[in-house]
Amino acid sequence: MRGSVTRLNKKIGCGFIPSEDGFEAYFDLSSLEGIDIQTLSIGKAVEYQEHFGSERLRAARVRVMSNPQSKSAVGSEK
C-alpha cells in the first residue's frame, strides 16, 4: 500500500499512516525498513503493508517511496 505520514512522534518512535478504508495504520520503530525515524516527516510518502494487530491496524515494512506522488497531509509532529 502507499500513503503518507499524517502523525509522527519521533520522541517515542511512532506514527500513523491513513489507510484507503479510512482507518489509520499505526507504526513504530520495529515497523521501519531501511530508514531511521529521524528521516521521516509529516507528509512523507511511504509504502507499507497493513496487518491487523490485537489492538489496531498496524503498518509493517514501512519504507520511503523513491518517486512519490505528493499528497497533502495534515497532522502534528513532535
N, C-alpha and C. Protein backbone atom coordinates (compact mmCIF):
# COMPACT_ATOMS: atom_id res chain seq x y z
N MET A 1 0.84 -1.16 0.00
CA MET A 1 0.00 0.00 0.00
C MET A 1 0.90 1.24 0.00
N ARG A 2 0.30 2.35 -0.40
CA ARG A 2 1.01 3.62 -0.40
C ARG A 2 0.22 4.65 0.38
N GLY A 3 0.93 5.56 1.01
CA GLY A 3 0.28 6.61 1.77
C GLY A 3 1.31 7.64 2.19
N SER A 4 0.92 8.49 3.10
CA SER A 4 1.85 9.48 3.63
C SER A 4 1.65 9.60 5.14
N VAL A 5 2.71 9.90 5.83
CA VAL A 5 2.69 10.02 7.28
C VAL A 5 1.84 11.24 7.66
N THR A 6 0.84 11.03 8.53
CA THR A 6 -0.01 12.14 8.95
C THR A 6 0.22 12.55 10.40
N ARG A 7 0.66 11.62 11.22
CA ARG A 7 1.01 11.94 12.60
C ARG A 7 2.32 11.24 12.91
N LEU A 8 3.17 11.93 13.67
CA LEU A 8 4.51 11.40 13.93
C LEU A 8 5.01 11.91 15.27
N ASN A 9 5.52 11.01 16.08
CA ASN A 9 6.15 11.37 17.34
C ASN A 9 7.53 10.74 17.36
N LYS A 10 8.53 11.50 16.96
CA LYS A 10 9.89 10.99 16.89
C LYS A 10 10.44 10.68 18.27
N LYS A 11 9.99 11.41 19.28
CA LYS A 11 10.49 11.24 20.64
C LYS A 11 10.20 9.84 21.17
N ILE A 12 8.99 9.34 20.93
CA ILE A 12 8.66 7.99 21.40
C ILE A 12 8.75 6.94 20.29
N GLY A 13 8.96 7.39 19.04
CA GLY A 13 9.21 6.46 17.94
C GLY A 13 7.99 5.81 17.33
N CYS A 14 6.96 6.60 17.02
CA CYS A 14 5.78 6.02 16.39
C CYS A 14 5.08 7.05 15.52
N GLY A 15 4.13 6.57 14.72
CA GLY A 15 3.37 7.46 13.86
C GLY A 15 2.19 6.74 13.25
N PHE A 16 1.49 7.45 12.36
CA PHE A 16 0.29 6.90 11.73
C PHE A 16 0.27 7.23 10.24
N ILE A 17 -0.30 6.31 9.47
CA ILE A 17 -0.49 6.47 8.04
C ILE A 17 -1.96 6.16 7.76
N PRO A 18 -2.70 7.05 7.09
CA PRO A 18 -4.11 6.73 6.81
C PRO A 18 -4.21 5.63 5.75
N SER A 19 -5.12 4.69 5.99
CA SER A 19 -5.31 3.61 5.03
C SER A 19 -6.42 3.99 4.05
N GLU A 20 -6.55 3.24 2.99
CA GLU A 20 -7.54 3.52 1.96
C GLU A 20 -8.97 3.38 2.47
N ASP A 21 -9.17 2.60 3.54
CA ASP A 21 -10.53 2.40 4.05
C ASP A 21 -10.91 3.38 5.15
N GLY A 22 -10.08 4.40 5.36
CA GLY A 22 -10.42 5.46 6.31
C GLY A 22 -9.85 5.29 7.71
N PHE A 23 -9.23 4.17 8.00
CA PHE A 23 -8.60 3.96 9.30
C PHE A 23 -7.15 4.44 9.24
N GLU A 24 -6.53 4.56 10.41
CA GLU A 24 -5.13 4.92 10.45
C GLU A 24 -4.31 3.70 10.86
N ALA A 25 -3.25 3.44 10.11
CA ALA A 25 -2.36 2.34 10.44
C ALA A 25 -1.23 2.88 11.32
N TYR A 26 -1.04 2.26 12.47
CA TYR A 26 -0.01 2.63 13.43
C TYR A 26 1.31 2.00 13.03
N PHE A 27 2.41 2.73 13.20
CA PHE A 27 3.73 2.14 13.04
C PHE A 27 4.64 2.59 14.16
N ASP A 28 5.67 1.77 14.43
CA ASP A 28 6.67 2.13 15.42
C ASP A 28 8.05 1.78 14.85
N LEU A 29 9.07 1.90 15.66
CA LEU A 29 10.43 1.68 15.18
C LEU A 29 10.62 0.30 14.56
N SER A 30 9.96 -0.72 15.11
CA SER A 30 10.10 -2.07 14.57
C SER A 30 9.45 -2.22 13.20
N SER A 31 8.60 -1.28 12.80
CA SER A 31 7.91 -1.33 11.52
C SER A 31 8.74 -0.76 10.37
N LEU A 32 9.76 0.02 10.71
CA LEU A 32 10.54 0.72 9.69
C LEU A 32 11.54 -0.21 9.02
N GLU A 33 11.65 -0.09 7.71
CA GLU A 33 12.53 -0.95 6.94
C GLU A 33 13.57 -0.10 6.21
N GLY A 34 14.79 -0.14 6.68
CA GLY A 34 15.88 0.56 6.00
C GLY A 34 15.87 2.07 6.17
N ILE A 35 15.11 2.58 7.14
CA ILE A 35 15.08 4.02 7.40
C ILE A 35 15.10 4.26 8.89
N ASP A 36 15.51 5.44 9.26
CA ASP A 36 15.52 5.88 10.64
C ASP A 36 14.33 6.82 10.85
N ILE A 37 13.70 6.77 11.99
CA ILE A 37 12.53 7.61 12.24
C ILE A 37 12.87 9.10 12.11
N GLN A 38 14.12 9.45 12.34
CA GLN A 38 14.53 10.85 12.24
C GLN A 38 14.44 11.36 10.80
N THR A 39 14.43 10.48 9.81
CA THR A 39 14.33 10.89 8.41
C THR A 39 12.88 11.08 7.96
N LEU A 40 11.93 10.65 8.79
CA LEU A 40 10.52 10.80 8.44
C LEU A 40 10.01 12.18 8.85
N SER A 41 8.98 12.63 8.15
CA SER A 41 8.33 13.90 8.46
C SER A 41 6.87 13.80 8.03
N ILE A 42 6.06 14.71 8.54
CA ILE A 42 4.65 14.76 8.16
C ILE A 42 4.58 14.99 6.64
N GLY A 43 3.76 14.19 5.97
CA GLY A 43 3.60 14.31 4.53
C GLY A 43 4.55 13.44 3.72
N LYS A 44 5.53 12.80 4.38
CA LYS A 44 6.48 11.94 3.67
C LYS A 44 5.75 10.74 3.07
N ALA A 45 5.93 10.52 1.78
CA ALA A 45 5.27 9.40 1.09
C ALA A 45 6.00 8.10 1.41
N VAL A 46 5.21 7.08 1.77
CA VAL A 46 5.77 5.79 2.16
C VAL A 46 4.99 4.65 1.50
N GLU A 47 5.63 3.51 1.47
CA GLU A 47 4.99 2.25 1.08
C GLU A 47 4.98 1.39 2.33
N TYR A 48 3.95 0.56 2.49
CA TYR A 48 3.86 -0.28 3.68
C TYR A 48 2.91 -1.43 3.45
N GLN A 49 2.88 -2.35 4.38
CA GLN A 49 1.93 -3.46 4.37
C GLN A 49 1.03 -3.32 5.58
N GLU A 50 -0.25 -3.56 5.41
CA GLU A 50 -1.20 -3.49 6.52
C GLU A 50 -1.33 -4.85 7.19
N HIS A 51 -1.37 -4.80 8.51
CA HIS A 51 -1.61 -6.00 9.32
C HIS A 51 -2.58 -5.63 10.42
N PHE A 52 -3.45 -6.54 10.78
CA PHE A 52 -4.38 -6.29 11.88
C PHE A 52 -3.78 -6.87 13.14
N GLY A 53 -3.38 -5.99 14.05
CA GLY A 53 -2.83 -6.40 15.33
C GLY A 53 -3.95 -6.69 16.31
N SER A 54 -3.58 -6.99 17.53
CA SER A 54 -4.59 -7.31 18.54
C SER A 54 -5.40 -6.09 18.95
N GLU A 55 -4.81 -4.89 18.82
CA GLU A 55 -5.50 -3.69 19.25
C GLU A 55 -5.87 -2.74 18.12
N ARG A 56 -5.13 -2.76 17.02
CA ARG A 56 -5.36 -1.77 15.96
C ARG A 56 -4.72 -2.22 14.65
N LEU A 57 -5.03 -1.46 13.61
CA LEU A 57 -4.43 -1.66 12.31
C LEU A 57 -2.97 -1.22 12.39
N ARG A 58 -2.06 -2.05 11.94
CA ARG A 58 -0.63 -1.73 12.00
C ARG A 58 -0.03 -1.67 10.61
N ALA A 59 0.95 -0.82 10.46
CA ALA A 59 1.73 -0.75 9.23
C ALA A 59 3.04 -1.49 9.47
N ALA A 60 3.41 -2.35 8.55
CA ALA A 60 4.66 -3.09 8.64
C ALA A 60 5.49 -2.82 7.38
N ARG A 61 6.77 -3.05 7.49
CA ARG A 61 7.70 -2.88 6.36
C ARG A 61 7.56 -1.49 5.74
N VAL A 62 7.51 -0.47 6.60
CA VAL A 62 7.36 0.92 6.15
C VAL A 62 8.68 1.38 5.55
N ARG A 63 8.61 1.89 4.34
CA ARG A 63 9.80 2.43 3.68
C ARG A 63 9.42 3.66 2.85
N VAL A 64 10.36 4.57 2.74
CA VAL A 64 10.13 5.81 1.99
C VAL A 64 10.06 5.48 0.51
N MET A 65 9.10 6.07 -0.18
CA MET A 65 8.96 5.87 -1.62
C MET A 65 10.04 6.65 -2.34
N SER A 66 10.63 6.06 -3.36
CA SER A 66 11.70 6.73 -4.10
C SER A 66 11.18 7.79 -5.06
N ASN A 67 10.01 7.58 -5.66
CA ASN A 67 9.41 8.56 -6.58
C ASN A 67 7.97 8.80 -6.17
N PRO A 68 7.77 9.52 -5.07
CA PRO A 68 6.40 9.71 -4.57
C PRO A 68 5.59 10.68 -5.41
N GLN A 69 4.30 10.45 -5.44
CA GLN A 69 3.36 11.42 -5.99
C GLN A 69 2.78 12.13 -4.79
N SER A 70 3.01 13.42 -4.69
CA SER A 70 2.68 14.18 -3.49
C SER A 70 1.22 14.07 -3.10
N LYS A 71 1.00 13.96 -1.79
CA LYS A 71 -0.32 14.01 -1.19
C LYS A 71 -0.22 15.01 -0.08
N SER A 72 -1.23 15.84 0.09
CA SER A 72 -1.19 16.78 1.20
C SER A 72 -1.61 16.04 2.47
N ALA A 73 -1.00 16.42 3.57
CA ALA A 73 -1.29 15.78 4.83
C ALA A 73 -1.40 16.82 5.92
N VAL A 74 -2.27 16.55 6.84
CA VAL A 74 -2.43 17.44 7.97
C VAL A 74 -2.14 16.62 9.21
N GLY A 75 -1.32 17.16 10.10
CA GLY A 75 -1.01 16.41 11.31
C GLY A 75 -0.09 17.20 12.19
N SER A 76 0.42 16.52 13.18
CA SER A 76 1.34 17.18 14.10
C SER A 76 2.59 16.34 14.26
N GLU A 77 3.68 16.99 14.49
CA GLU A 77 4.96 16.32 14.67
C GLU A 77 5.58 16.81 15.94
N LYS A 78 6.09 15.87 16.73
CA LYS A 78 6.74 16.23 18.00
C LYS A 78 8.20 15.87 17.95
